[in-house]
């Protein structure tokens, strides 16, 4: 007999709050709305999370973990060149939800977070610094292997790639033109050659 795993009340609250924070906004989402949508009592939610900001922190950590895992998987695929690995990372980020307010879940949460919840802003900043370092390592590998031009500076190039992808995600969301990512990824690849 196959048993199905029940979703815990904690996870129901997290899933509901994540969806609402990313599509409606942290500031515009009330705890009452999370209670109504998740069908988890307010007492139960407050048992797991002392405040809405603590709930936001848990969502941020979960998103960071999810994206770090996906980025590492795409960047460590065997049989791909470094430019192909970077393209795979860009494709992965491009497949995100279309209804995030800022195009990117991290941008959406960052701009919605007050200075009082600085721990969330700091965690998102650290996530981007870590991803820049990861890209820098991939680019250095490409320079060493001869896949990328020898004059390429991995640090600034990694910052440019991440900025280009994040900017394209935002512009694709904010504009009726949905081709920004399709334009940015090949342009970035050309700059690396």
C-alpha atoms as a PDB file:
ATOM      1  CA  UNK A   1       0.000   0.000   0.000  1.00  0.00           C
ATOM      2  CA  UNK A   2       1.395   3.368  -1.068  1.00  0.00           C
ATOM      3  CA  UNK A   3       1.266   6.134   1.492  1.00  0.00           C
ATOM      4  CA  UNK A   4       1.117   9.768   0.549  1.00  0.00           C
ATOM      5  CA  UNK A   5       3.099  12.271   2.515  1.00  0.00           C
ATOM      6  CA  UNK A   6       0.929  14.959   4.075  1.00  0.00           C
ATOM      7  CA  UNK A   7       2.086  18.514   3.764  1.00  0.00           C
ATOM      8  CA  UNK A   8       2.731  19.945   7.212  1.00  0.00           C
ATOM      9  CA  UNK A   9       0.935  23.087   8.372  1.00  0.00           C
ATOM     10  CA  UNK A  10       4.325  24.810   8.455  1.00  0.00           C
ATOM     11  CA  UNK A  11       4.928  23.964   4.787  1.00  0.00           C
ATOM     12  CA  UNK A  12       1.379  24.956   3.819  1.00  0.00           C
ATOM     13  CA  UNK A  13       1.929  28.360   5.429  1.00  0.00           C
ATOM     14  CA  UNK A  14       5.359  28.709   3.777  1.00  0.00           C
ATOM     15  CA  UNK A  15       4.043  27.733   0.335  1.00  0.00           C
ATOM     16  CA  UNK A  16       1.093  30.098   0.579  1.00  0.00           C
ATOM     17  CA  UNK A  17       3.113  33.013   1.945  1.00  0.00           C
ATOM     18  CA  UNK A  18       5.824  32.508  -0.705  1.00  0.00           C
ATOM     19  CA  UNK A  19       3.255  32.624  -3.484  1.00  0.00           C
ATOM     20  CA  UNK A  20       1.535  35.709  -2.045  1.00  0.00           C
ATOM     21  CA  UNK A  21       4.772  37.580  -1.259  1.00  0.00           C
ATOM     22  CA  UNK A  22       6.113  36.976  -4.781  1.00  0.00           C
ATOM     23  CA  UNK A  23       2.916  37.715  -6.699  1.00  0.00           C
ATOM     24  CA  UNK A  24       1.149  40.284  -4.537  1.00  0.00           C
ATOM     25  CA  UNK A  25       4.004  41.654  -2.459  1.00  0.00           C
ATOM     26  CA  UNK A  26       5.249  41.259   1.099  1.00  0.00           C
ATOM     27  CA  UNK A  27       3.919  44.653   2.170  1.00  0.00           C
ATOM     28  CA  UNK A  28       0.446  44.068   0.720  1.00  0.00           C
ATOM     29  CA  UNK A  29       0.032  40.548   2.102  1.00  0.00           C
ATOM     30  CA  UNK A  30      -1.503  40.284   5.558  1.00  0.00           C
ATOM     31  CA  UNK A  31      -1.154  37.387   7.963  1.00  0.00           C
ATOM     32  CA  UNK A  32      -4.946  37.050   7.803  1.00  0.00           C
ATOM     33  CA  UNK A  33      -4.706  36.496   4.058  1.00  0.00           C
ATOM     34  CA  UNK A  34      -2.045  33.801   4.580  1.00  0.00           C
ATOM     35  CA  UNK A  35      -4.354  32.141   7.131  1.00  0.00           C
ATOM     36  CA  UNK A  36      -7.317  32.233   4.727  1.00  0.00           C
ATOM     37  CA  UNK A  37      -5.367  30.980   1.692  1.00  0.00           C
ATOM     38  CA  UNK A  38      -3.373  28.289   3.509  1.00  0.00           C
ATOM     39  CA  UNK A  39      -6.262  27.117   5.700  1.00  0.00           C
ATOM     40  CA  UNK A  40      -3.795  27.002   8.607  1.00  0.00           C
ATOM     41  CA  UNK A  41      -4.847  28.725  11.807  1.00  0.00           C
ATOM     42  CA  UNK A  42      -3.127  31.938  12.815  1.00  0.00           C
ATOM     43  CA  UNK A  43      -2.124  30.312  16.111  1.00  0.00           C
ATOM     44  CA  UNK A  44      -0.453  27.462  14.233  1.00  0.00           C
ATOM     45  CA  UNK A  45       1.394  29.843  11.898  1.00  0.00           C
ATOM     46  CA  UNK A  46       2.600  31.919  14.858  1.00  0.00           C
ATOM     47  CA  UNK A  47       3.706  28.709  16.571  1.00  0.00           C
ATOM     48  CA  UNK A  48       6.190  28.189  13.706  1.00  0.00           C
ATOM     49  CA  UNK A  49       6.956  31.842  12.891  1.00  0.00           C
ATOM     50  CA  UNK A  50       7.007  34.607  15.495  1.00  0.00           C
ATOM     51  CA  UNK A  51       6.308  37.320  12.919  1.00  0.00           C
ATOM     52  CA  UNK A  52       5.650  37.998   9.271  1.00  0.00           C
ATOM     53  CA  UNK A  53       9.329  38.991   8.944  1.00  0.00           C
ATOM     54  CA  UNK A  54      10.426  35.624  10.363  1.00  0.00           C
ATOM     55  CA  UNK A  55       8.178  33.918   7.804  1.00  0.00           C
ATOM     56  CA  UNK A  56       9.829  36.034   5.098  1.00  0.00           C
ATOM     57  CA  UNK A  57      13.255  34.946   6.365  1.00  0.00           C
ATOM     58  CA  UNK A  58      12.290  31.268   6.123  1.00  0.00           C
ATOM     59  CA  UNK A  59      10.975  31.800   2.595  1.00  0.00           C
ATOM     60  CA  UNK A  60      14.174  33.589   1.603  1.00  0.00           C
ATOM     61  CA  UNK A  61      16.331  30.730   2.945  1.00  0.00           C
ATOM     62  CA  UNK A  62      14.203  28.189   1.122  1.00  0.00           C
ATOM     63  CA  UNK A  63      14.431  30.119  -2.160  1.00  0.00           C
ATOM     64  CA  UNK A  64      18.187  30.563  -1.777  1.00  0.00           C
ATOM     65  CA  UNK A  65      18.626  26.828  -1.190  1.00  0.00           C
ATOM     66  CA  UNK A  66      16.430  25.929  -4.160  1.00  0.00           C
ATOM     67  CA  UNK A  67      18.217  28.282  -6.557  1.00  0.00           C
ATOM     68  CA  UNK A  68      21.703  27.388  -5.320  1.00  0.00           C
ATOM     69  CA  UNK A  69      20.985  23.726  -5.960  1.00  0.00           C
ATOM     70  CA  UNK A  70      19.588  24.380  -9.443  1.00  0.00           C
ATOM     71  CA  UNK A  71      22.494  26.663 -10.393  1.00  0.00           C
ATOM     72  CA  UNK A  72      25.087  24.148  -9.146  1.00  0.00           C
ATOM     73  CA  UNK A  73      23.382  21.338 -11.071  1.00  0.00           C
ATOM     74  CA  UNK A  74      23.363  23.370 -14.288  1.00  0.00           C
ATOM     75  CA  UNK A  75      26.974  24.478 -13.791  1.00  0.00           C
ATOM     76  CA  UNK A  76      28.298  20.993 -13.083  1.00  0.00           C
ATOM     77  CA  UNK A  77      26.734  19.104 -15.995  1.00  0.00           C
ATOM     78  CA  UNK A  78      29.374  16.911 -17.561  1.00  0.00           C
ATOM     79  CA  UNK A  79      29.933  17.081 -21.288  1.00  0.00           C
ATOM     80  CA  UNK A  80      29.114  20.782 -21.550  1.00  0.00           C
ATOM     81  CA  UNK A  81      31.546  23.566 -22.338  1.00  0.00           C
ATOM     82  CA  UNK A  82      31.752  26.508 -19.941  1.00  0.00           C
ATOM     83  CA  UNK A  83      29.693  28.748 -22.285  1.00  0.00           C
ATOM     84  CA  UNK A  84      27.067  25.983 -22.478  1.00  0.00           C
ATOM     85  CA  UNK A  85      27.009  25.711 -18.673  1.00  0.00           C
ATOM     86  CA  UNK A  86      26.485  29.465 -18.348  1.00  0.00           C
ATOM     87  CA  UNK A  87      23.724  29.311 -20.976  1.00  0.00           C
ATOM     88  CA  UNK A  88      22.112  26.451 -19.000  1.00  0.00           C
ATOM     89  CA  UNK A  89      22.163  28.609 -15.860  1.00  0.00           C
ATOM     90  CA  UNK A  90      20.577  31.495 -17.787  1.00  0.00           C
ATOM     91  CA  UNK A  91      17.921  29.188 -19.252  1.00  0.00           C
ATOM     92  CA  UNK A  92      17.159  27.863 -15.792  1.00  0.00           C
ATOM     93  CA  UNK A  93      16.683  31.371 -14.394  1.00  0.00           C
ATOM     94  CA  UNK A  94      14.573  32.337 -17.380  1.00  0.00           C
ATOM     95  CA  UNK A  95      12.124  29.510 -16.684  1.00  0.00           C
ATOM     96  CA  UNK A  96      11.053  31.127 -13.401  1.00  0.00           C
ATOM     97  CA  UNK A  97       7.552  32.205 -12.631  1.00  0.00           C
ATOM     98  CA  UNK A  98       6.215  34.905 -14.923  1.00  0.00           C
ATOM     99  CA  UNK A  99       4.078  36.484 -12.236  1.00  0.00           C
ATOM    100  CA  UNK A 100       6.832  37.481  -9.792  1.00  0.00           C
ATOM    101  CA  UNK A 101       6.399  41.200  -9.238  1.00  0.00           C
ATOM    102  CA  UNK A 102      10.011  42.035 -10.124  1.00  0.00           C
ATOM    103  CA  UNK A 103      10.671  39.250 -12.625  1.00  0.00           C
ATOM    104  CA  UNK A 104      13.112  37.611 -10.199  1.00  0.00           C
ATOM    105  CA  UNK A 105      12.030  36.262  -6.801  1.00  0.00           C
ATOM    106  CA  UNK A 106      15.030  37.800  -5.046  1.00  0.00           C
ATOM    107  CA  UNK A 107      14.531  41.244  -6.570  1.00  0.00           C
ATOM    108  CA  UNK A 108      10.837  41.025  -5.703  1.00  0.00           C
ATOM    109  CA  UNK A 109      11.539  40.229  -2.046  1.00  0.00           C
ATOM    110  CA  UNK A 110      14.457  42.654  -1.724  1.00  0.00           C
ATOM    111  CA  UNK A 111      12.567  45.729  -2.854  1.00  0.00           C
ATOM    112  CA  UNK A 112       9.544  44.822  -0.720  1.00  0.00           C
ATOM    113  CA  UNK A 113      11.570  44.357   2.472  1.00  0.00           C
ATOM    114  CA  UNK A 114      11.829  47.161   4.991  1.00  0.00           C
ATOM    115  CA  UNK A 115      15.146  48.132   6.522  1.00  0.00           C
ATOM    116  CA  UNK A 116      13.936  46.564   9.779  1.00  0.00           C
ATOM    117  CA  UNK A 117      14.149  43.158   8.077  1.00  0.00           C
ATOM    118  CA  UNK A 118      17.776  43.785   7.125  1.00  0.00           C
ATOM    119  CA  UNK A 119      18.629  40.112   7.652  1.00  0.00           C
ATOM    120  CA  UNK A 120      16.580  39.275   4.534  1.00  0.00           C
ATOM    121  CA  UNK A 121      18.301  41.957   2.462  1.00  0.00           C
ATOM    122  CA  UNK A 122      21.686  40.767   3.730  1.00  0.00           C
ATOM    123  CA  UNK A 123      20.900  37.145   2.850  1.00  0.00           C
ATOM    124  CA  UNK A 124      19.811  38.074  -0.669  1.00  0.00           C
ATOM    125  CA  UNK A 125      22.962  40.175  -1.103  1.00  0.00           C
ATOM    126  CA  UNK A 126      25.097  37.264   0.087  1.00  0.00           C
ATOM    127  CA  UNK A 127      23.297  34.930  -2.352  1.00  0.00           C
ATOM    128  CA  UNK A 128      24.205  37.213  -5.270  1.00  0.00           C
ATOM    129  CA  UNK A 129      27.816  37.558  -4.088  1.00  0.00           C
ATOM    130  CA  UNK A 130      28.081  33.771  -3.884  1.00  0.00           C
ATOM    131  CA  UNK A 131      26.597  33.330  -7.363  1.00  0.00           C
ATOM    132  CA  UNK A 132      29.001  35.923  -8.757  1.00  0.00           C
ATOM    133  CA  UNK A 133      31.919  33.975  -7.252  1.00  0.00           C
ATOM    134  CA  UNK A 134      30.534  30.728  -8.669  1.00  0.00           C
ATOM    135  CA  UNK A 135      30.264  32.261 -12.156  1.00  0.00           C
ATOM    136  CA  UNK A 136      33.750  33.710 -11.743  1.00  0.00           C
ATOM    137  CA  UNK A 137      35.053  30.195 -11.066  1.00  0.00           C
ATOM    138  CA  UNK A 138      33.308  28.819 -14.158  1.00  0.00           C
ATOM    139  CA  UNK A 139      34.729  31.621 -16.290  1.00  0.00           C
ATOM    140  CA  UNK A 140      38.249  31.079 -14.922  1.00  0.00           C
ATOM    141  CA  UNK A 141      37.872  27.394 -15.801  1.00  0.00           C
ATOM    142  CA  UNK A 142      36.881  28.417 -19.344  1.00  0.00           C
ATOM    143  CA  UNK A 143      39.899  30.713 -19.681  1.00  0.00           C
ATOM    144  CA  UNK A 144      42.262  27.959 -18.431  1.00  0.00           C
ATOM    145  CA  UNK A 145      40.786  25.387 -20.812  1.00  0.00           C
ATOM    146  CA  UNK A 146      40.954  27.769 -23.795  1.00  0.00           C
ATOM    147  CA  UNK A 147      37.165  27.806 -24.259  1.00  0.00           C
ATOM    148  CA  UNK A 148      37.104  31.530 -23.498  1.00  0.00           C
ATOM    149  CA  UNK A 149      39.490  34.238 -24.600  1.00  0.00           C
ATOM    150  CA  UNK A 150      42.618  34.515 -22.503  1.00  0.00           C
ATOM    151  CA  UNK A 151      42.180  38.257 -21.875  1.00  0.00           C
ATOM    152  CA  UNK A 152      38.787  37.746 -20.198  1.00  0.00           C
ATOM    153  CA  UNK A 153      38.747  38.966 -16.585  1.00  0.00           C
ATOM    154  CA  UNK A 154      36.509  36.442 -14.764  1.00  0.00           C
ATOM    155  CA  UNK A 155      35.451  38.743 -11.891  1.00  0.00           C
ATOM    156  CA  UNK A 156      34.065  41.651 -13.924  1.00  0.00           C
ATOM    157  CA  UNK A 157      32.665  39.252 -16.550  1.00  0.00           C
ATOM    158  CA  UNK A 158      30.800  37.293 -13.836  1.00  0.00           C
ATOM    159  CA  UNK A 159      29.307  40.528 -12.482  1.00  0.00           C
ATOM    160  CA  UNK A 160      28.269  41.535 -16.019  1.00  0.00           C
ATOM    161  CA  UNK A 161      26.619  38.159 -16.686  1.00  0.00           C
ATOM    162  CA  UNK A 162      24.664  38.176 -13.436  1.00  0.00           C
ATOM    163  CA  UNK A 163      23.649  41.826 -13.909  1.00  0.00           C
ATOM    164  CA  UNK A 164      22.611  41.128 -17.491  1.00  0.00           C
ATOM    165  CA  UNK A 165      20.486  38.150 -16.524  1.00  0.00           C
ATOM    166  CA  UNK A 166      18.834  39.955 -13.590  1.00  0.00           C
ATOM    167  CA  UNK A 167      18.216  43.069 -15.667  1.00  0.00           C
ATOM    168  CA  UNK A 168      16.744  41.009 -18.494  1.00  0.00           C
ATOM    169  CA  UNK A 169      14.430  39.190 -16.065  1.00  0.00           C
ATOM    170  CA  UNK A 170      13.141  42.521 -14.785  1.00  0.00           C
ATOM    171  CA  UNK A 171      12.810  44.104 -18.241  1.00  0.00           C
ATOM    172  CA  UNK A 172      11.096  41.023 -19.633  1.00  0.00           C
ATOM    173  CA  UNK A 173       8.560  41.298 -16.827  1.00  0.00           C
ATOM    174  CA  UNK A 174       8.134  45.087 -17.011  1.00  0.00           C
ATOM    175  CA  UNK A 175       7.822  45.308 -20.787  1.00  0.00           C
ATOM    176  CA  UNK A 176       5.430  43.896 -23.350  1.00  0.00           C
ATOM    177  CA  UNK A 177       8.539  42.602 -25.185  1.00  0.00           C
ATOM    178  CA  UNK A 178       9.182  39.120 -23.797  1.00  0.00           C
ATOM    179  CA  UNK A 179      12.405  38.527 -25.730  1.00  0.00           C
ATOM    180  CA  UNK A 180      14.922  40.199 -23.423  1.00  0.00           C
ATOM    181  CA  UNK A 181      16.361  36.927 -22.124  1.00  0.00           C
ATOM    182  CA  UNK A 182      16.569  35.458 -25.635  1.00  0.00           C
ATOM    183  CA  UNK A 183      18.533  38.565 -26.651  1.00  0.00           C
ATOM    184  CA  UNK A 184      20.757  38.868 -23.582  1.00  0.00           C
ATOM    185  CA  UNK A 185      22.079  35.301 -23.342  1.00  0.00           C
ATOM    186  CA  UNK A 186      23.518  35.152 -26.895  1.00  0.00           C
ATOM    187  CA  UNK A 187      24.920  38.686 -26.528  1.00  0.00           C
ATOM    188  CA  UNK A 188      26.688  37.703 -23.303  1.00  0.00           C
ATOM    189  CA  UNK A 189      28.053  34.570 -24.976  1.00  0.00           C
ATOM    190  CA  UNK A 190      29.468  36.724 -27.802  1.00  0.00           C
ATOM    191  CA  UNK A 191      31.238  38.977 -25.293  1.00  0.00           C
ATOM    192  CA  UNK A 192      33.009  35.970 -23.774  1.00  0.00           C
ATOM    193  CA  UNK A 193      34.556  34.778 -27.036  1.00  0.00           C
END
